[in-house]
Amino acid sequence: MNDFKITKKLIQKAKDKNACQDGIKWLEKKERTWLELKSKSYEWAVWGMTFIKDIPIDLTGFSSGNRAEVMIRRPDCPIDLTGLDSEDRVKVMLKRDDCPIDLTGLDQEYRIEVMIHRPDCQIDLTGLDQEYRIEVMIERPDCSVDLKGLDSVSRALVMVSRSDCPIDLTGLSSDDRALVMVSRSDCPIDLTGLWPEDRANVMDKRSDCPIDLTGLDPLDRVRVMLKRDDCPIDLTGLDSWDRAKVMIHRPDCPIDLDNLSQEDRARVMIRRPDCPIDLTGLNSYDRAWVMVARPDCPIDLTGLSSDDRARVMIYRPDCPIDLRGLDPVGHSFVMVNRPDCPIDITGLSPIDCGKAIEGGEERKNKKE
């Protein structure tokens, strides 16, 4: 092999595959042998064996990484793991399905990598730490499930990931028990001893879970009421925002605006068409939005800011137009957006005046 000639034909193939220009120039100076190429650069020699199939395979003297690269890229390369380091042995075993599996001397991390990615690899969990054992059990469906010696988190993960794993919640922490109940529909529901947030999680995710809001904090109570239509509504002890949230998202929730903030009262009136309208105590912004969102809301522009008066006039076609007291921007917006608005550019800036006139022309063209 050392006397193997690097011919012009081989050099041309290297050029066609965009080989290193320095290497091409060196080869073209005179006829070279394989030994000369290896002596000059093992990197060039590896590239040649890898990408030019006409070059016979000769791994003598090459490093572990170089040998592994050739074995991986050349399917016709005989496999010999002797002398390869652990990482390179694993690379070859994973990339070459025809590579015999040999886990001898490998660290746990390398052993499970081969076990997981080579389905033909015999499973052996002996001596593995629990984190590696559960990874193999989860990733290899043909791996026998054995929960002995595993901590709560690990046992729960296996039960959740493997539907064929027998369910046993004994000794699991509250959140791990809840995780299994939520993830496995075949898991019997038992909320005894669960922390309130874990109870809420099961009630939220399992529609067959009996509902009991006792002891839940307001956030979890609201979550269950919103997720479960069959959950009884109880607004006792909830703050204004959460009470409004339940009223908005549960159409069957009785409406009670007492003790709600003005913002939350407006939210309920806007989102619940069956909510009685009462603008008493609302600020200008919220009054305007209720009038805009609820066509059945009586219009009263008294005390509204210029922007809010303009907003109501624009979005409520049945709102009488009154441009008095509007700032120039609101004035021009109403003229542009209400086709029935008389054009009055008194007091408008040249820019707002232009907008109003342009809007008037658009309205005229539409009519024509």
Protein backbone atom coordinates (compact mmCIF):
# COMPACT_ATOMS: atom_id res chain seq x y z
CA MET A 1 0.00 0.00 0.00
CA ASN A 2 2.87 2.42 0.76
CA ASP A 3 3.91 2.23 -2.93
CA PHE A 4 0.40 3.02 -4.18
CA LYS A 5 0.66 5.78 -6.79
CA ILE A 6 -1.41 8.99 -6.53
CA THR A 7 -2.23 9.30 -10.22
CA LYS A 8 -3.45 12.32 -12.19
CA LYS A 9 -6.85 10.67 -12.36
CA LEU A 10 -7.05 10.55 -8.57
CA ILE A 11 -5.84 14.15 -8.33
CA GLN A 12 -8.60 15.23 -10.71
CA LYS A 13 -11.18 13.47 -8.56
CA ALA A 14 -9.83 15.33 -5.55
CA LYS A 15 -10.20 18.62 -7.46
CA ASP A 16 -13.78 17.72 -8.35
CA LYS A 17 -14.54 17.27 -4.67
CA ASN A 18 -13.00 20.64 -3.74
CA ALA A 19 -9.97 19.22 -1.97
CA CYS A 20 -7.49 21.46 -0.16
CA GLN A 21 -5.69 23.62 -2.74
CA ASP A 22 -2.36 23.34 -0.94
CA GLY A 23 -2.64 19.56 -1.09
CA ILE A 24 -3.51 19.62 -4.81
CA LYS A 25 -0.52 21.84 -5.59
CA TRP A 26 1.80 19.54 -3.63
CA LEU A 27 0.52 16.43 -5.43
CA GLU A 28 0.86 18.03 -8.86
CA LYS A 29 4.54 18.88 -8.45
CA LYS A 30 5.50 15.28 -9.14
CA GLU A 31 4.09 11.79 -8.91
CA ARG A 32 3.60 10.88 -5.23
CA THR A 33 3.11 7.61 -3.38
CA TRP A 34 0.69 6.85 -0.58
CA LEU A 35 3.61 6.72 1.88
CA GLU A 36 4.72 10.21 0.81
CA LEU A 37 1.14 11.54 1.21
CA LYS A 38 0.85 10.06 4.71
CA SER A 39 4.26 11.38 5.65
CA LYS A 40 3.30 14.84 4.40
CA SER A 41 -0.13 15.06 6.10
CA TYR A 42 -2.26 12.44 7.81
CA GLU A 43 -5.16 14.87 7.42
CA TRP A 44 -4.82 14.89 3.65
CA ALA A 45 -4.51 11.12 3.58
CA VAL A 46 -7.67 10.68 5.67
CA TRP A 47 -9.58 13.06 3.41
CA GLY A 48 -8.43 11.08 0.36
CA MET A 49 -9.51 7.72 1.78
CA THR A 50 -12.80 9.18 2.93
CA PHE A 51 -13.94 10.88 -0.25
CA ILE A 52 -12.14 9.06 -3.05
CA LYS A 53 -13.23 5.45 -3.13
CA ASP A 54 -10.47 4.46 -5.57
CA ILE A 55 -7.87 4.90 -2.84
CA PRO A 56 -7.38 1.63 -0.97
CA ILE A 57 -7.97 1.71 2.77
CA ASP A 58 -4.88 1.75 4.95
CA LEU A 59 -5.33 2.86 8.59
CA THR A 60 -1.80 2.04 9.69
CA GLY A 61 -0.38 4.78 11.90
CA PHE A 62 -3.52 6.88 11.99
CA SER A 63 -4.96 8.36 15.18
CA SER A 64 -8.09 6.98 16.85
CA GLY A 65 -10.26 9.81 15.53
CA ASN A 66 -8.94 9.48 11.97
CA ARG A 67 -9.46 5.72 11.91
CA ALA A 68 -13.00 6.12 13.23
CA GLU A 69 -13.79 8.77 10.60
CA VAL A 70 -12.71 6.51 7.75
CA MET A 71 -14.60 3.52 9.15
CA ILE A 72 -17.73 5.65 9.45
CA ARG A 73 -17.54 7.28 6.01
CA ARG A 74 -16.33 4.24 4.06
CA PRO A 75 -18.92 1.44 4.32
CA ASP A 76 -16.39 -0.87 2.64
CA CYS A 77 -13.83 -0.22 5.38
CA PRO A 78 -13.26 -3.26 7.61
CA ILE A 79 -14.25 -2.48 11.20
CA ASP A 80 -11.56 -2.78 13.85
CA LEU A 81 -12.22 -1.07 17.18
CA THR A 82 -8.87 -2.13 18.64
CA GLY A 83 -7.04 0.87 20.07
CA LEU A 84 -9.89 3.32 19.55
CA ASP A 85 -10.78 5.51 22.53
CA SER A 86 -14.26 5.17 24.08
CA GLU A 87 -15.80 8.08 22.18
CA ASP A 88 -14.58 6.84 18.81
CA ARG A 89 -15.66 3.25 19.52
CA VAL A 90 -19.17 4.50 20.28
CA LYS A 91 -19.23 6.67 17.15
CA VAL A 92 -18.42 3.69 14.95
CA MET A 93 -20.95 1.44 16.71
CA LEU A 94 -23.69 4.05 16.26
CA LYS A 95 -22.89 4.98 12.65
CA ARG A 96 -22.20 1.49 11.35
CA ASP A 97 -25.08 -0.94 11.87
CA ASP A 98 -22.79 -3.77 10.83
CA CYS A 99 -20.35 -2.96 13.63
CA PRO A 100 -20.24 -5.63 16.34
CA ILE A 101 -21.36 -4.25 19.69
CA ASP A 102 -18.79 -4.30 22.47
CA LEU A 103 -19.49 -2.28 25.64
CA THR A 104 -16.46 -3.57 27.49
CA GLY A 105 -14.68 -0.81 29.40
CA LEU A 106 -17.12 1.93 28.41
CA ASP A 107 -18.35 4.49 30.93
CA GLN A 108 -22.05 4.49 31.86
CA GLU A 109 -22.85 7.42 29.57
CA TYR A 110 -21.34 5.67 26.54
CA ARG A 111 -22.95 2.32 27.41
CA ILE A 112 -26.48 3.72 27.53
CA GLU A 113 -25.93 5.72 24.34
CA VAL A 114 -25.26 2.48 22.47
CA MET A 115 -28.09 0.64 24.25
CA ILE A 116 -30.57 3.39 23.35
CA HIS A 117 -29.57 3.96 19.73
CA ARG A 118 -28.74 0.39 18.72
CA PRO A 119 -31.97 -1.63 19.02
CA ASP A 120 -29.94 -4.81 18.52
CA CYS A 121 -27.83 -4.03 21.58
CA GLN A 122 -28.53 -6.34 24.50
CA ILE A 123 -29.88 -4.38 27.48
CA ASP A 124 -27.90 -4.66 30.68
CA LEU A 125 -28.67 -2.19 33.47
CA THR A 126 -26.16 -3.75 35.87
CA GLY A 127 -24.05 -1.12 37.62
CA LEU A 128 -25.85 1.84 36.06
CA ASP A 129 -26.80 4.84 38.20
CA GLN A 130 -30.55 5.45 38.44
CA GLU A 131 -30.49 8.40 36.02
CA TYR A 132 -29.02 6.13 33.34
CA ARG A 133 -31.28 3.19 34.20
CA ILE A 134 -34.44 5.24 33.76
CA GLU A 135 -33.17 6.72 30.50
CA VAL A 136 -32.78 3.24 29.02
CA MET A 137 -36.16 2.12 30.41
CA ILE A 138 -37.84 5.18 28.88
CA GLU A 139 -36.10 5.10 25.49
CA ARG A 140 -36.13 1.32 24.96
CA PRO A 141 -39.72 -0.01 25.02
CA ASP A 142 -38.34 -3.55 25.07
CA CYS A 143 -36.46 -2.88 28.30
CA SER A 144 -37.96 -4.57 31.32
CA VAL A 145 -39.33 -2.08 33.85
CA ASP A 146 -37.73 -2.27 37.26
CA LEU A 147 -38.48 0.55 39.71
CA LYS A 148 -36.55 -0.92 42.62
CA GLY A 149 -34.16 1.53 44.21
CA LEU A 150 -35.39 4.51 42.19
CA ASP A 151 -36.31 7.79 43.89
CA SER A 152 -39.74 9.42 43.62
CA VAL A 153 -38.98 11.56 40.58
CA SER A 154 -37.40 8.68 38.64
CA ARG A 155 -40.24 6.27 39.40
CA ALA A 156 -42.81 8.85 38.31
CA LEU A 157 -40.96 9.56 35.05
CA VAL A 158 -40.90 5.88 34.13
CA MET A 159 -44.59 5.44 34.97
CA VAL A 160 -45.47 8.49 32.87
CA SER A 161 -43.29 7.49 29.91
CA ARG A 162 -44.07 3.77 29.83
CA SER A 163 -47.78 2.98 29.53
CA ASP A 164 -46.97 -0.67 30.25
CA CYS A 165 -45.42 0.23 33.60
CA PRO A 166 -47.57 -0.87 36.54
CA ILE A 167 -48.80 2.14 38.53
CA ASP A 168 -47.72 2.32 42.15
CA LEU A 169 -47.98 5.72 43.85
CA THR A 170 -46.69 4.42 47.19
CA GLY A 171 -43.96 6.68 48.56
CA LEU A 172 -44.16 9.23 45.76
CA SER A 173 -44.05 12.93 46.60
CA SER A 174 -47.20 15.04 46.20
CA ASP A 175 -46.18 16.57 42.87
CA ASP A 176 -44.96 13.21 41.49
CA ARG A 177 -48.25 11.51 42.42
CA ALA A 178 -50.13 14.34 40.70
CA LEU A 179 -47.91 14.03 37.63
CA VAL A 180 -48.74 10.33 37.25
CA MET A 181 -52.46 10.91 37.80
CA VAL A 182 -52.51 13.70 35.22
CA SER A 183 -50.41 11.84 32.63
CA ARG A 184 -51.90 8.36 32.97
CA SER A 185 -55.66 8.26 32.41
CA ASP A 186 -55.64 4.69 33.74
CA CYS A 187 -54.26 5.87 37.06
CA PRO A 188 -56.82 5.77 39.89
CA ILE A 189 -57.45 9.23 41.34
CA ASP A 190 -56.62 9.73 44.98
CA LEU A 191 -56.17 13.31 46.17
CA THR A 192 -55.50 12.30 49.76
CA GLY A 193 -52.42 14.06 51.12
CA LEU A 194 -51.73 16.08 47.97
CA TRP A 195 -50.67 19.69 48.31
CA PRO A 196 -53.44 22.15 47.31
CA GLU A 197 -51.71 23.16 44.04
CA ASP A 198 -51.27 19.48 43.11
CA ARG A 199 -54.94 18.76 43.86
CA ALA A 200 -55.89 21.69 41.61
CA ASN A 201 -53.62 20.35 38.87
CA VAL A 202 -55.34 16.95 38.89
CA MET A 203 -58.82 18.51 39.00
CA ASP A 204 -57.85 20.78 36.12
CA LYS A 205 -56.39 18.06 33.87
CA ARG A 206 -58.59 15.06 34.74
CA SER A 207 -62.25 15.63 33.84
CA ASP A 208 -63.17 12.50 35.81
CA CYS A 209 -61.65 13.88 39.00
CA PRO A 210 -64.16 14.81 41.72
CA ILE A 211 -64.06 18.56 42.43
CA ASP A 212 -63.29 19.88 45.88
CA LEU A 213 -62.09 23.49 46.16
CA THR A 214 -61.58 23.30 49.92
CA GLY A 215 -58.20 24.70 50.94
CA LEU A 216 -57.19 25.85 47.46
CA ASP A 217 -55.71 29.34 47.13
CA PRO A 218 -57.62 31.86 44.98
CA LEU A 219 -55.41 31.31 41.91
CA ASP A 220 -56.00 27.54 41.91
CA ARG A 221 -59.70 27.91 42.68
CA VAL A 222 -60.11 30.21 39.68
CA ARG A 223 -58.09 27.84 37.48
CA VAL A 224 -60.38 24.90 38.30
CA MET A 225 -63.54 26.99 37.88
CA LEU A 226 -62.42 28.15 34.46
CA LYS A 227 -61.17 24.76 33.20
CA ARG A 228 -64.05 22.66 34.52
CA ASP A 229 -67.54 23.71 33.43
CA ASP A 230 -68.94 21.26 35.97
CA CYS A 231 -67.15 23.03 38.82
CA PRO A 232 -69.49 24.84 41.23
CA ILE A 233 -68.91 28.59 41.19
CA ASP A 234 -67.76 30.15 44.43
CA LEU A 235 -66.45 33.71 44.34
CA THR A 236 -66.02 33.97 48.10
CA GLY A 237 -62.70 35.53 49.05
CA LEU A 238 -61.61 36.26 45.47
CA ASP A 239 -60.23 39.68 44.62
CA SER A 240 -61.87 41.98 42.08
CA TRP A 241 -59.76 40.80 39.12
CA ASP A 242 -60.37 37.07 39.75
CA ARG A 243 -64.11 37.54 40.39
CA ALA A 244 -64.42 39.44 37.10
CA LYS A 245 -62.41 36.75 35.33
CA VAL A 246 -64.80 34.00 36.45
CA MET A 247 -67.85 36.08 35.54
CA ILE A 248 -66.42 36.74 32.07
CA HIS A 249 -65.38 33.16 31.24
CA ARG A 250 -68.24 31.31 32.90
CA PRO A 251 -71.51 32.38 31.25
CA ASP A 252 -73.38 30.50 33.99
CA CYS A 253 -71.77 32.62 36.70
CA PRO A 254 -74.24 35.05 38.33
CA ILE A 255 -73.23 38.66 37.68
CA ASP A 256 -72.45 40.74 40.73
CA LEU A 257 -70.62 44.01 40.13
CA ASP A 258 -70.58 45.02 43.80
CA ASN A 259 -67.09 45.71 45.16
CA LEU A 260 -65.45 45.29 41.73
CA SER A 261 -62.96 47.94 40.65
CA GLN A 262 -64.21 50.30 37.96
CA GLU A 263 -61.90 48.63 35.43
CA ASP A 264 -63.25 45.16 36.29
CA ARG A 265 -66.85 46.36 36.21
CA ALA A 266 -66.22 47.67 32.69
CA ARG A 267 -64.58 44.38 31.67
CA VAL A 268 -67.62 42.38 32.77
CA MET A 269 -70.06 44.77 31.07
CA ILE A 270 -68.06 44.60 27.84
CA ARG A 271 -67.59 40.81 27.80
CA ARG A 272 -70.98 39.73 29.16
CA PRO A 273 -73.83 40.90 26.90
CA ASP A 274 -76.31 39.86 29.61
CA CYS A 275 -74.69 42.14 32.19
CA PRO A 276 -76.85 45.12 33.22
CA ILE A 277 -75.20 48.38 32.21
CA ASP A 278 -74.29 50.80 34.96
CA LEU A 279 -71.73 53.48 34.12
CA THR A 280 -71.87 55.06 37.57
CA GLY A 281 -68.38 55.73 38.92
CA LEU A 282 -66.54 54.67 35.76
CA ASN A 283 -63.80 56.92 34.44
CA SER A 284 -63.96 58.50 31.00
CA TYR A 285 -61.95 55.75 29.28
CA ASP A 286 -63.99 52.82 30.66
CA ARG A 287 -67.35 54.57 30.09
CA ALA A 288 -66.39 55.16 26.45
CA TRP A 289 -65.34 51.54 25.90
CA VAL A 290 -68.57 50.18 27.37
CA MET A 291 -70.55 52.47 25.05
CA VAL A 292 -68.45 51.32 22.09
CA ALA A 293 -68.57 47.58 22.91
CA ARG A 294 -72.25 47.46 23.91
CA PRO A 295 -74.62 48.77 21.19
CA ASP A 296 -77.43 48.58 23.77
CA CYS A 297 -75.62 51.01 26.08
CA PRO A 298 -77.28 54.45 26.24
CA ILE A 299 -74.99 57.15 24.88
CA ASP A 300 -73.96 59.91 27.22
CA LEU A 301 -70.88 61.94 26.28
CA THR A 302 -71.10 64.18 29.34
CA GLY A 303 -67.74 64.44 31.08
CA LEU A 304 -65.85 62.32 28.54
CA SER A 305 -62.43 63.47 27.39
CA SER A 306 -61.97 64.68 23.83
CA ASP A 307 -60.40 61.37 22.74
CA ASP A 308 -63.14 59.29 24.37
CA ARG A 309 -65.96 61.42 22.91
CA ALA A 310 -64.40 61.03 19.45
CA ARG A 311 -64.05 57.27 19.96
CA VAL A 312 -67.74 56.86 20.78
CA MET A 313 -68.82 59.06 17.84
CA ILE A 314 -66.61 57.06 15.46
CA TYR A 315 -67.61 53.54 16.58
CA ARG A 316 -71.27 54.18 17.40
CA PRO A 317 -73.03 55.27 14.16
CA ASP A 318 -76.12 56.08 16.24
CA CYS A 319 -74.19 58.60 18.35
CA PRO A 320 -75.18 62.24 17.64
CA ILE A 321 -72.24 64.18 16.23
CA ASP A 322 -71.02 67.11 18.25
CA LEU A 323 -67.59 68.44 17.32
CA ARG A 324 -67.61 71.19 19.94
CA GLY A 325 -64.71 70.96 22.34
CA LEU A 326 -62.91 68.16 20.48
CA ASP A 327 -59.19 68.63 20.00
CA PRO A 328 -58.02 68.94 16.37
CA VAL A 329 -57.02 65.27 16.09
CA GLY A 330 -60.36 63.96 17.40
CA HIS A 331 -62.17 66.56 15.30
CA SER A 332 -60.53 65.39 12.06
CA PHE A 333 -60.90 61.66 12.95
CA VAL A 334 -64.66 62.02 13.41
CA MET A 335 -64.99 63.83 10.07
CA VAL A 336 -62.88 61.19 8.31
CA ASN A 337 -64.67 58.16 9.82
CA ARG A 338 -68.29 59.33 10.04
CA PRO A 339 -69.74 59.76 6.51
CA ASP A 340 -72.68 61.70 7.99
CA CYS A 341 -70.43 64.23 9.73
CA PRO A 342 -70.61 67.80 8.36
CA ILE A 343 -67.20 69.06 7.26
CA ASP A 344 -66.03 71.84 9.53
CA ILE A 345 -62.33 72.67 9.39
CA THR A 346 -62.51 75.68 11.69
CA GLY A 347 -59.50 75.74 14.01
CA LEU A 348 -57.79 72.71 12.45
CA SER A 349 -54.08 72.69 11.63
CA PRO A 350 -53.09 72.41 7.96
CA ILE A 351 -52.28 68.71 8.50
CA ASP A 352 -55.58 67.88 10.24
CA CYS A 353 -57.40 70.07 7.75
CA GLY A 354 -55.86 68.03 4.92
CA LYS A 355 -56.94 64.77 6.57
CA ALA A 356 -60.48 66.02 6.95
CA ILE A 357 -60.68 67.22 3.34
CA GLU A 358 -59.13 63.95 2.09
CA GLY A 359 -61.65 61.99 4.15
CA GLY A 360 -64.45 64.10 2.74
CA GLU A 361 -63.31 63.40 -0.82
CA GLU A 362 -63.19 59.64 -0.12
CA ARG A 363 -66.73 59.75 1.25
CA LYS A 364 -67.91 61.71 -1.77
CA ASN A 365 -66.32 59.23 -4.18
CA LYS A 366 -67.91 56.29 -2.36
CA LYS A 367 -71.36 57.87 -2.66
CA GLU A 368 -70.86 58.45 -6.36
